[in-house]
Amino acid sequence: MAETHIPYYSLKKLFSFFNGVTVLSGMILIGLSIYVNFRGAVLTKVLGLSSEYLFHVGYLCLVMGSVTVLLGFARQHGAAKESRGTLLICFLVMVIILIVQITAATVVLAFFPVVREVALEHNFVTLRKNYRGYKEPDDYSMRWNLVMEKLKCCGVKNYTDFSGSSFERVTGHTYPRCCCKSPGTVDCDGHNVSADVIHQEGCFPKLLKITKTQSTNLSGGCLGTAVMQLPGILATLLLFIKLG
C-alpha cells in the first residue's frame, strides 16, 4: 500500500488550503461567465455564428464554476469524514473539469482567427440584406442599432454599406439615424454624410477588438483557474492515498 511522507495532520491542513483555492477558482469562472455572456459580449451578437463560441464557452464556464464550487464542499466533507469514495469521485470529476478547461481555452484561441477572416464579408452582405432601420422591432435591426449607437460607428465597413441596400430601397435614406452623432438634429436627414453629422467609420474593427478581448479573457480565465485547481487535485489524491 502506497504511503506518503507528509504527516496526516499537515496533509489535511494543506488539503483545506488548496481546496479553498479551488473553490475560489470556481467563483472566478462563474464571474467570468456572467461578465462575458451578460455584459462583455452582448454587442458581438450581431456577428452571428462567428461569435457564438464566446457564449457557448461562457455558459460552459458557468457550469464548470458551479460544479467546482460544489465539489469543494463535497471534498471538504469527504476529508472530514475520511471518506475515500467521496475523495476519489471528486478527484476524477476535477480531472475532467481540468481537461475541459484547457480544451475550452484552446478552442477559444483557435476560433478567433475565423472571426477575423470570415465574419467581415458575411456580416457586410447580411447587413445590406436584413437591416430595416432605426427603431425597427426585429432583433437583427435592434442589435445593429445598439452597436452603432454604443460604439459610435456606422455599418460594417463604413457608412457607405447602406448604399444600394434593402434599407435604402425601402426608406430612400443612405444611412440610418443611429449613425448620426446627434440623431435628433435636422442635419441627420439620411443624406448628409458630412463627418460632422455622422460616424463614418465602420463597426467591424471595434467589434473585432471586443471579440479579441473577450477571447483573451475566456482563454486566460480557463487556463488560470486550471492552474489554481491543479494543487487541490494533487492534494485530494494524496489524502486519498494517505487514508488507504
C-alpha atoms as a PDB file:
ATOM      1  CA  MET A   1       0.000   0.000   0.000  1.00  0.00           C
ATOM      2  CA  ALA A   2       1.398   3.418  -1.011  1.00  0.00           C
ATOM      3  CA  GLU A   3       2.404   5.797   1.743  1.00  0.00           C
ATOM      4  CA  THR A   4       3.118   9.499   1.645  1.00  0.00           C
ATOM      5  CA  HIS A   5       5.851  11.118   3.718  1.00  0.00           C
ATOM      6  CA  ILE A   6       3.661  14.090   4.718  1.00  0.00           C
ATOM      7  CA  PRO A   7       2.188  13.838   8.238  1.00  0.00           C
ATOM      8  CA  TYR A   8      -1.572  13.325   8.174  1.00  0.00           C
ATOM      9  CA  TYR A   9      -2.377  16.488  10.150  1.00  0.00           C
ATOM     10  CA  SER A  10      -0.184  18.622   7.870  1.00  0.00           C
ATOM     11  CA  LEU A  11      -1.707  16.997   4.804  1.00  0.00           C
ATOM     12  CA  LYS A  12      -5.236  17.852   5.953  1.00  0.00           C
ATOM     13  CA  LYS A  13      -4.251  21.477   6.529  1.00  0.00           C
ATOM     14  CA  LEU A  14      -2.630  21.573   3.091  1.00  0.00           C
ATOM     15  CA  PHE A  15      -5.725  19.977   1.579  1.00  0.00           C
ATOM     16  CA  SER A  16      -8.044  22.512   3.235  1.00  0.00           C
ATOM     17  CA  PHE A  17      -5.965  25.424   1.943  1.00  0.00           C
ATOM     18  CA  PHE A  18      -5.839  24.211  -1.658  1.00  0.00           C
ATOM     19  CA  ASN A  19      -9.495  23.223  -1.517  1.00  0.00           C
ATOM     20  CA  GLY A  20     -10.292  26.826  -0.640  1.00  0.00           C
ATOM     21  CA  VAL A  21      -8.205  27.966  -3.614  1.00  0.00           C
ATOM     22  CA  THR A  22     -10.164  25.559  -5.820  1.00  0.00           C
ATOM     23  CA  VAL A  23     -13.490  26.973  -4.598  1.00  0.00           C
ATOM     24  CA  LEU A  24     -12.157  30.458  -5.349  1.00  0.00           C
ATOM     25  CA  SER A  25     -11.275  29.346  -8.884  1.00  0.00           C
ATOM     26  CA  GLY A  26     -14.852  28.141  -9.348  1.00  0.00           C
ATOM     27  CA  MET A  27     -16.187  31.517  -8.258  1.00  0.00           C
ATOM     28  CA  ILE A  28     -13.834  33.208 -10.716  1.00  0.00           C
ATOM     29  CA  LEU A  29     -15.207  31.031 -13.521  1.00  0.00           C
ATOM     30  CA  ILE A  30     -18.776  31.927 -12.555  1.00  0.00           C
ATOM     31  CA  GLY A  31     -17.936  35.639 -12.500  1.00  0.00           C
ATOM     32  CA  LEU A  32     -16.150  35.395 -15.844  1.00  0.00           C
ATOM     33  CA  SER A  33     -19.111  33.644 -17.476  1.00  0.00           C
ATOM     34  CA  ILE A  34     -21.538  36.283 -16.187  1.00  0.00           C
ATOM     35  CA  TYR A  35     -19.310  39.089 -17.477  1.00  0.00           C
ATOM     36  CA  VAL A  36     -18.891  37.547 -20.920  1.00  0.00           C
ATOM     37  CA  ASN A  37     -22.489  36.437 -21.519  1.00  0.00           C
ATOM     38  CA  PHE A  38     -24.390  39.307 -19.939  1.00  0.00           C
ATOM     39  CA  ARG A  39     -22.064  42.244 -20.426  1.00  0.00           C
ATOM     40  CA  GLY A  40     -18.857  41.863 -22.381  1.00  0.00           C
ATOM     41  CA  ALA A  41     -20.068  40.020 -25.495  1.00  0.00           C
ATOM     42  CA  VAL A  42     -23.581  41.450 -25.808  1.00  0.00           C
ATOM     43  CA  LEU A  43     -22.610  43.747 -28.675  1.00  0.00           C
ATOM     44  CA  THR A  44     -20.886  40.963 -30.609  1.00  0.00           C
ATOM     45  CA  LYS A  45     -24.192  39.128 -31.089  1.00  0.00           C
ATOM     46  CA  VAL A  46     -24.502  40.932 -34.426  1.00  0.00           C
ATOM     47  CA  LEU A  47     -21.604  38.809 -35.698  1.00  0.00           C
ATOM     48  CA  GLY A  48     -23.906  35.778 -35.517  1.00  0.00           C
ATOM     49  CA  LEU A  49     -22.307  32.348 -35.640  1.00  0.00           C
ATOM     50  CA  SER A  50     -18.851  33.912 -35.822  1.00  0.00           C
ATOM     51  CA  SER A  51     -19.064  34.935 -32.169  1.00  0.00           C
ATOM     52  CA  GLU A  52     -21.381  32.235 -30.830  1.00  0.00           C
ATOM     53  CA  TYR A  53     -18.412  30.361 -29.409  1.00  0.00           C
ATOM     54  CA  LEU A  54     -17.992  33.141 -26.841  1.00  0.00           C
ATOM     55  CA  PHE A  55     -21.457  32.466 -25.430  1.00  0.00           C
ATOM     56  CA  HIS A  56     -21.092  28.696 -25.554  1.00  0.00           C
ATOM     57  CA  VAL A  57     -17.773  28.769 -23.724  1.00  0.00           C
ATOM     58  CA  GLY A  58     -19.182  31.366 -21.333  1.00  0.00           C
ATOM     59  CA  TYR A  59     -22.048  29.063 -20.359  1.00  0.00           C
ATOM     60  CA  LEU A  60     -19.601  26.174 -20.117  1.00  0.00           C
ATOM     61  CA  CYS A  61     -17.542  28.236 -17.646  1.00  0.00           C
ATOM     62  CA  LEU A  62     -20.706  28.867 -15.626  1.00  0.00           C
ATOM     63  CA  VAL A  63     -21.375  25.131 -15.391  1.00  0.00           C
ATOM     64  CA  MET A  64     -17.754  24.265 -14.587  1.00  0.00           C
ATOM     65  CA  GLY A  65     -17.505  27.008 -11.997  1.00  0.00           C
ATOM     66  CA  SER A  66     -20.698  25.893 -10.264  1.00  0.00           C
ATOM     67  CA  VAL A  67     -19.603  22.255 -10.236  1.00  0.00           C
ATOM     68  CA  THR A  68     -16.170  23.249  -8.929  1.00  0.00           C
ATOM     69  CA  VAL A  69     -17.670  25.156  -6.007  1.00  0.00           C
ATOM     70  CA  LEU A  70     -19.977  22.240  -5.149  1.00  0.00           C
ATOM     71  CA  LEU A  71     -17.070  19.811  -5.386  1.00  0.00           C
ATOM     72  CA  GLY A  72     -15.115  21.975  -2.975  1.00  0.00           C
ATOM     73  CA  PHE A  73     -17.759  21.463  -0.296  1.00  0.00           C
ATOM     74  CA  ALA A  74     -18.027  17.771  -1.165  1.00  0.00           C
ATOM     75  CA  ARG A  75     -14.269  17.288  -0.879  1.00  0.00           C
ATOM     76  CA  GLN A  76     -14.165  19.100   2.443  1.00  0.00           C
ATOM     77  CA  HIS A  77     -16.947  16.863   3.717  1.00  0.00           C
ATOM     78  CA  GLY A  78     -15.150  13.795   2.400  1.00  0.00           C
ATOM     79  CA  ALA A  79     -11.945  14.825   4.153  1.00  0.00           C
ATOM     80  CA  ALA A  80     -13.751  15.468   7.435  1.00  0.00           C
ATOM     81  CA  LYS A  81     -15.478  12.072   7.282  1.00  0.00           C
ATOM     82  CA  GLU A  82     -12.331  10.408   5.890  1.00  0.00           C
ATOM     83  CA  SER A  83     -14.396   9.032   3.023  1.00  0.00           C
ATOM     84  CA  ARG A  84     -12.076   7.658   0.349  1.00  0.00           C
ATOM     85  CA  GLY A  85     -15.004   7.107  -2.010  1.00  0.00           C
ATOM     86  CA  THR A  86     -16.042  10.766  -1.911  1.00  0.00           C
ATOM     87  CA  LEU A  87     -12.474  11.934  -2.373  1.00  0.00           C
ATOM     88  CA  LEU A  88     -11.974   9.604  -5.331  1.00  0.00           C
ATOM     89  CA  ILE A  89     -15.139  10.766  -7.095  1.00  0.00           C
ATOM     90  CA  CYS A  90     -14.225  14.413  -6.526  1.00  0.00           C
ATOM     91  CA  PHE A  91     -10.703  13.783  -7.794  1.00  0.00           C
ATOM     92  CA  LEU A  92     -11.937  12.170 -11.019  1.00  0.00           C
ATOM     93  CA  VAL A  93     -14.517  14.905 -11.700  1.00  0.00           C
ATOM     94  CA  MET A  94     -11.934  17.639 -11.084  1.00  0.00           C
ATOM     95  CA  VAL A  95      -9.546  15.988 -13.534  1.00  0.00           C
ATOM     96  CA  ILE A  96     -12.318  16.009 -16.146  1.00  0.00           C
ATOM     97  CA  ILE A  97     -13.046  19.690 -15.451  1.00  0.00           C
ATOM     98  CA  LEU A  98      -9.344  20.486 -15.741  1.00  0.00           C
ATOM     99  CA  ILE A  99      -9.190  18.821 -19.160  1.00  0.00           C
ATOM    100  CA  VAL A 100     -12.354  20.617 -20.320  1.00  0.00           C
ATOM    101  CA  GLN A 101     -10.972  24.000 -19.213  1.00  0.00           C
ATOM    102  CA  ILE A 102      -7.752  23.517 -21.143  1.00  0.00           C
ATOM    103  CA  THR A 103      -9.729  22.348 -24.183  1.00  0.00           C
ATOM    104  CA  ALA A 104     -12.090  25.340 -23.939  1.00  0.00           C
ATOM    105  CA  ALA A 105      -9.154  27.762 -23.790  1.00  0.00           C
ATOM    106  CA  THR A 106      -7.664  26.136 -26.897  1.00  0.00           C
ATOM    107  CA  VAL A 107     -10.969  26.313 -28.784  1.00  0.00           C
ATOM    108  CA  VAL A 108     -11.416  29.999 -27.951  1.00  0.00           C
ATOM    109  CA  LEU A 109      -7.933  30.850 -29.216  1.00  0.00           C
ATOM    110  CA  ALA A 110      -8.448  28.757 -32.346  1.00  0.00           C
ATOM    111  CA  PHE A 111     -11.779  30.347 -33.288  1.00  0.00           C
ATOM    112  CA  PHE A 112     -10.723  33.991 -33.090  1.00  0.00           C
ATOM    113  CA  PRO A 113      -8.869  33.945 -36.452  1.00  0.00           C
ATOM    114  CA  VAL A 114     -12.069  32.535 -38.002  1.00  0.00           C
ATOM    115  CA  VAL A 115     -13.990  35.601 -36.813  1.00  0.00           C
ATOM    116  CA  ARG A 116     -11.353  37.897 -38.219  1.00  0.00           C
ATOM    117  CA  GLU A 117     -11.126  36.201 -41.626  1.00  0.00           C
ATOM    118  CA  VAL A 118     -14.713  35.096 -42.309  1.00  0.00           C
ATOM    119  CA  ALA A 119     -17.094  37.396 -40.426  1.00  0.00           C
ATOM    120  CA  LEU A 120     -16.364  40.661 -42.263  1.00  0.00           C
ATOM    121  CA  GLU A 121     -17.771  39.763 -45.668  1.00  0.00           C
ATOM    122  CA  HIS A 122     -20.596  37.664 -44.212  1.00  0.00           C
ATOM    123  CA  ASN A 123     -21.808  40.485 -41.982  1.00  0.00           C
ATOM    124  CA  PHE A 124     -21.451  43.041 -44.752  1.00  0.00           C
ATOM    125  CA  VAL A 125     -23.755  41.024 -47.031  1.00  0.00           C
ATOM    126  CA  THR A 126     -26.180  40.233 -44.195  1.00  0.00           C
ATOM    127  CA  LEU A 127     -26.439  43.874 -43.101  1.00  0.00           C
ATOM    128  CA  ARG A 128     -27.257  45.056 -46.620  1.00  0.00           C
ATOM    129  CA  LYS A 129     -29.932  42.383 -46.938  1.00  0.00           C
ATOM    130  CA  ASN A 130     -31.577  42.250 -43.490  1.00  0.00           C
ATOM    131  CA  TYR A 131     -31.178  45.645 -41.808  1.00  0.00           C
ATOM    132  CA  ARG A 132     -34.503  47.538 -41.750  1.00  0.00           C
ATOM    133  CA  GLY A 133     -33.832  50.786 -39.940  1.00  0.00           C
ATOM    134  CA  TYR A 134     -33.758  52.841 -36.758  1.00  0.00           C
ATOM    135  CA  LYS A 135     -36.174  51.668 -34.019  1.00  0.00           C
ATOM    136  CA  GLU A 136     -37.400  48.751 -36.124  1.00  0.00           C
ATOM    137  CA  PRO A 137     -38.757  45.916 -33.929  1.00  0.00           C
ATOM    138  CA  ASP A 138     -36.857  42.965 -35.456  1.00  0.00           C
ATOM    139  CA  ASP A 139     -33.980  41.574 -33.401  1.00  0.00           C
ATOM    140  CA  TYR A 140     -31.385  41.976 -36.145  1.00  0.00           C
ATOM    141  CA  SER A 141     -32.021  45.695 -36.649  1.00  0.00           C
ATOM    142  CA  MET A 142     -32.263  46.316 -32.906  1.00  0.00           C
ATOM    143  CA  ARG A 143     -28.868  44.687 -32.321  1.00  0.00           C
ATOM    144  CA  TRP A 144     -27.195  46.703 -35.039  1.00  0.00           C
ATOM    145  CA  ASN A 145     -28.807  49.927 -33.827  1.00  0.00           C
ATOM    146  CA  LEU A 146     -27.434  49.212 -30.354  1.00  0.00           C
ATOM    147  CA  VAL A 147     -23.967  48.526 -31.752  1.00  0.00           C
ATOM    148  CA  MET A 148     -23.870  51.671 -33.884  1.00  0.00           C
ATOM    149  CA  GLU A 149     -25.106  53.850 -31.036  1.00  0.00           C
ATOM    150  CA  LYS A 150     -22.847  52.384 -28.348  1.00  0.00           C
ATOM    151  CA  LEU A 151     -19.687  52.074 -30.435  1.00  0.00           C
ATOM    152  CA  LYS A 152     -20.278  55.308 -32.384  1.00  0.00           C
ATOM    153  CA  CYS A 153     -19.822  53.754 -35.802  1.00  0.00           C
ATOM    154  CA  CYS A 154     -21.836  53.166 -38.970  1.00  0.00           C
ATOM    155  CA  GLY A 155     -22.221  49.960 -40.957  1.00  0.00           C
ATOM    156  CA  VAL A 156     -19.824  47.030 -41.072  1.00  0.00           C
ATOM    157  CA  LYS A 157     -17.016  48.516 -43.177  1.00  0.00           C
ATOM    158  CA  ASN A 158     -18.167  52.166 -43.177  1.00  0.00           C
ATOM    159  CA  TYR A 159     -21.220  54.362 -43.724  1.00  0.00           C
ATOM    160  CA  THR A 160     -21.383  53.516 -47.451  1.00  0.00           C
ATOM    161  CA  ASP A 161     -22.523  49.960 -46.611  1.00  0.00           C
ATOM    162  CA  PHE A 162     -26.146  51.123 -46.748  1.00  0.00           C
ATOM    163  CA  SER A 163     -25.886  52.492 -50.302  1.00  0.00           C
ATOM    164  CA  GLY A 164     -27.848  50.151 -52.553  1.00  0.00           C
ATOM    165  CA  SER A 165     -29.023  48.091 -49.576  1.00  0.00           C
ATOM    166  CA  SER A 166     -32.585  46.983 -48.869  1.00  0.00           C
ATOM    167  CA  PHE A 167     -32.692  49.702 -46.206  1.00  0.00           C
ATOM    168  CA  GLU A 168     -32.019  52.416 -48.794  1.00  0.00           C
ATOM    169  CA  ARG A 169     -34.516  50.957 -51.251  1.00  0.00           C
ATOM    170  CA  VAL A 170     -37.280  50.976 -48.632  1.00  0.00           C
ATOM    171  CA  THR A 171     -36.542  54.280 -46.859  1.00  0.00           C
ATOM    172  CA  GLY A 172     -34.710  56.277 -49.504  1.00  0.00           C
ATOM    173  CA  HIS A 173     -32.001  57.110 -46.949  1.00  0.00           C
ATOM    174  CA  THR A 174     -28.304  56.384 -47.402  1.00  0.00           C
ATOM    175  CA  TYR A 175     -27.744  55.693 -43.699  1.00  0.00           C
ATOM    176  CA  PRO A 176     -29.909  55.104 -40.580  1.00  0.00           C
ATOM    177  CA  ARG A 177     -30.444  57.693 -37.863  1.00  0.00           C
ATOM    178  CA  CYS A 178     -28.294  55.763 -35.359  1.00  0.00           C
ATOM    179  CA  CYS A 179     -25.228  56.602 -37.476  1.00  0.00           C
ATOM    180  CA  CYS A 180     -25.621  60.267 -36.576  1.00  0.00           C
ATOM    181  CA  LYS A 181     -23.588  61.932 -33.866  1.00  0.00           C
ATOM    182  CA  SER A 182     -26.755  63.775 -32.814  1.00  0.00           C
ATOM    183  CA  PRO A 183     -29.754  61.739 -34.059  1.00  0.00           C
ATOM    184  CA  GLY A 184     -32.304  64.414 -33.142  1.00  0.00           C
ATOM    185  CA  THR A 185     -30.836  67.222 -35.260  1.00  0.00           C
ATOM    186  CA  VAL A 186     -32.095  68.477 -38.620  1.00  0.00           C
ATOM    187  CA  ASP A 187     -28.800  67.626 -40.313  1.00  0.00           C
ATOM    188  CA  CYS A 188     -29.394  63.936 -39.514  1.00  0.00           C
ATOM    189  CA  ASP A 189     -31.601  63.538 -42.576  1.00  0.00           C
ATOM    190  CA  GLY A 190     -30.308  60.286 -44.050  1.00  0.00           C
ATOM    191  CA  HIS A 191     -28.478  62.108 -46.845  1.00  0.00           C
ATOM    192  CA  ASN A 192     -25.928  64.447 -45.246  1.00  0.00           C
ATOM    193  CA  VAL A 193     -22.786  62.317 -44.963  1.00  0.00           C
ATOM    194  CA  SER A 194     -20.544  65.014 -43.516  1.00  0.00           C
ATOM    195  CA  ALA A 195     -18.093  63.834 -40.867  1.00  0.00           C
ATOM    196  CA  ASP A 196     -19.615  66.473 -38.587  1.00  0.00           C
ATOM    197  CA  VAL A 197     -23.005  64.781 -38.862  1.00  0.00           C
ATOM    198  CA  ILE A 198     -22.385  61.005 -38.917  1.00  0.00           C
ATOM    199  CA  HIS A 199     -19.848  58.487 -37.690  1.00  0.00           C
ATOM    200  CA  GLN A 200     -18.177  57.459 -40.926  1.00  0.00           C
ATOM    201  CA  GLU A 201     -16.030  54.568 -39.695  1.00  0.00           C
ATOM    202  CA  GLY A 202     -17.390  51.020 -39.704  1.00  0.00           C
ATOM    203  CA  CYS A 203     -18.208  48.929 -36.653  1.00  0.00           C
ATOM    204  CA  PHE A 204     -16.343  45.752 -37.562  1.00  0.00           C
ATOM    205  CA  PRO A 205     -12.891  46.807 -36.246  1.00  0.00           C
ATOM    206  CA  LYS A 206     -14.456  47.781 -32.914  1.00  0.00           C
ATOM    207  CA  LEU A 207     -16.476  44.566 -32.724  1.00  0.00           C
ATOM    208  CA  LEU A 208     -13.343  42.596 -33.565  1.00  0.00           C
ATOM    209  CA  LYS A 209     -11.480  44.335 -30.745  1.00  0.00           C
ATOM    210  CA  ILE A 210     -14.240  43.396 -28.271  1.00  0.00           C
ATOM    211  CA  THR A 211     -14.206  39.802 -29.524  1.00  0.00           C
ATOM    212  CA  LYS A 212     -10.433  39.615 -29.154  1.00  0.00           C
ATOM    213  CA  THR A 213     -10.623  40.983 -25.610  1.00  0.00           C
ATOM    214  CA  GLN A 214     -13.329  38.513 -24.635  1.00  0.00           C
ATOM    215  CA  SER A 215     -11.468  35.622 -26.259  1.00  0.00           C
ATOM    216  CA  THR A 216      -8.363  36.557 -24.277  1.00  0.00           C
ATOM    217  CA  ASN A 217     -10.369  36.866 -21.063  1.00  0.00           C
ATOM    218  CA  LEU A 218     -12.029  33.479 -21.554  1.00  0.00           C
ATOM    219  CA  SER A 219      -8.880  31.600 -22.527  1.00  0.00           C
ATOM    220  CA  GLY A 220      -6.824  33.278 -19.821  1.00  0.00           C
ATOM    221  CA  GLY A 221      -9.537  32.666 -17.235  1.00  0.00           C
ATOM    222  CA  CYS A 222      -9.841  28.986 -18.128  1.00  0.00           C
ATOM    223  CA  LEU A 223      -6.078  28.424 -18.047  1.00  0.00           C
ATOM    224  CA  GLY A 224      -5.598  30.500 -14.900  1.00  0.00           C
ATOM    225  CA  THR A 225      -8.263  28.663 -12.938  1.00  0.00           C
ATOM    226  CA  ALA A 226      -6.898  25.347 -14.207  1.00  0.00           C
ATOM    227  CA  VAL A 227      -3.536  26.245 -12.667  1.00  0.00           C
ATOM    228  CA  MET A 228      -5.291  27.208  -9.418  1.00  0.00           C
ATOM    229  CA  GLN A 229      -7.113  23.868  -9.315  1.00  0.00           C
ATOM    230  CA  LEU A 230      -4.131  21.610 -10.008  1.00  0.00           C
ATOM    231  CA  PRO A 231      -2.641  21.732  -6.457  1.00  0.00           C
ATOM    232  CA  GLY A 232      -6.084  20.950  -4.996  1.00  0.00           C
ATOM    233  CA  ILE A 233      -6.408  17.940  -7.290  1.00  0.00           C
ATOM    234  CA  LEU A 234      -2.998  16.653  -6.215  1.00  0.00           C
ATOM    235  CA  ALA A 235      -3.807  17.282  -2.544  1.00  0.00           C
ATOM    236  CA  THR A 236      -7.031  15.293  -2.930  1.00  0.00           C
ATOM    237  CA  LEU A 237      -5.095  12.399  -4.450  1.00  0.00           C
ATOM    238  CA  LEU A 238      -2.504  12.488  -1.648  1.00  0.00           C
ATOM    239  CA  LEU A 239      -5.210  12.500   1.035  1.00  0.00           C
ATOM    240  CA  PHE A 240      -6.979   9.627  -0.724  1.00  0.00           C
ATOM    241  CA  ILE A 241      -3.743   7.616  -0.694  1.00  0.00           C
ATOM    242  CA  LYS A 242      -3.000   8.523   2.933  1.00  0.00           C
ATOM    243  CA  LEU A 243      -6.396   7.232   4.038  1.00  0.00           C
ATOM    244  CA  GLY A 244      -5.810   3.897   2.271  1.00  0.00           C
END
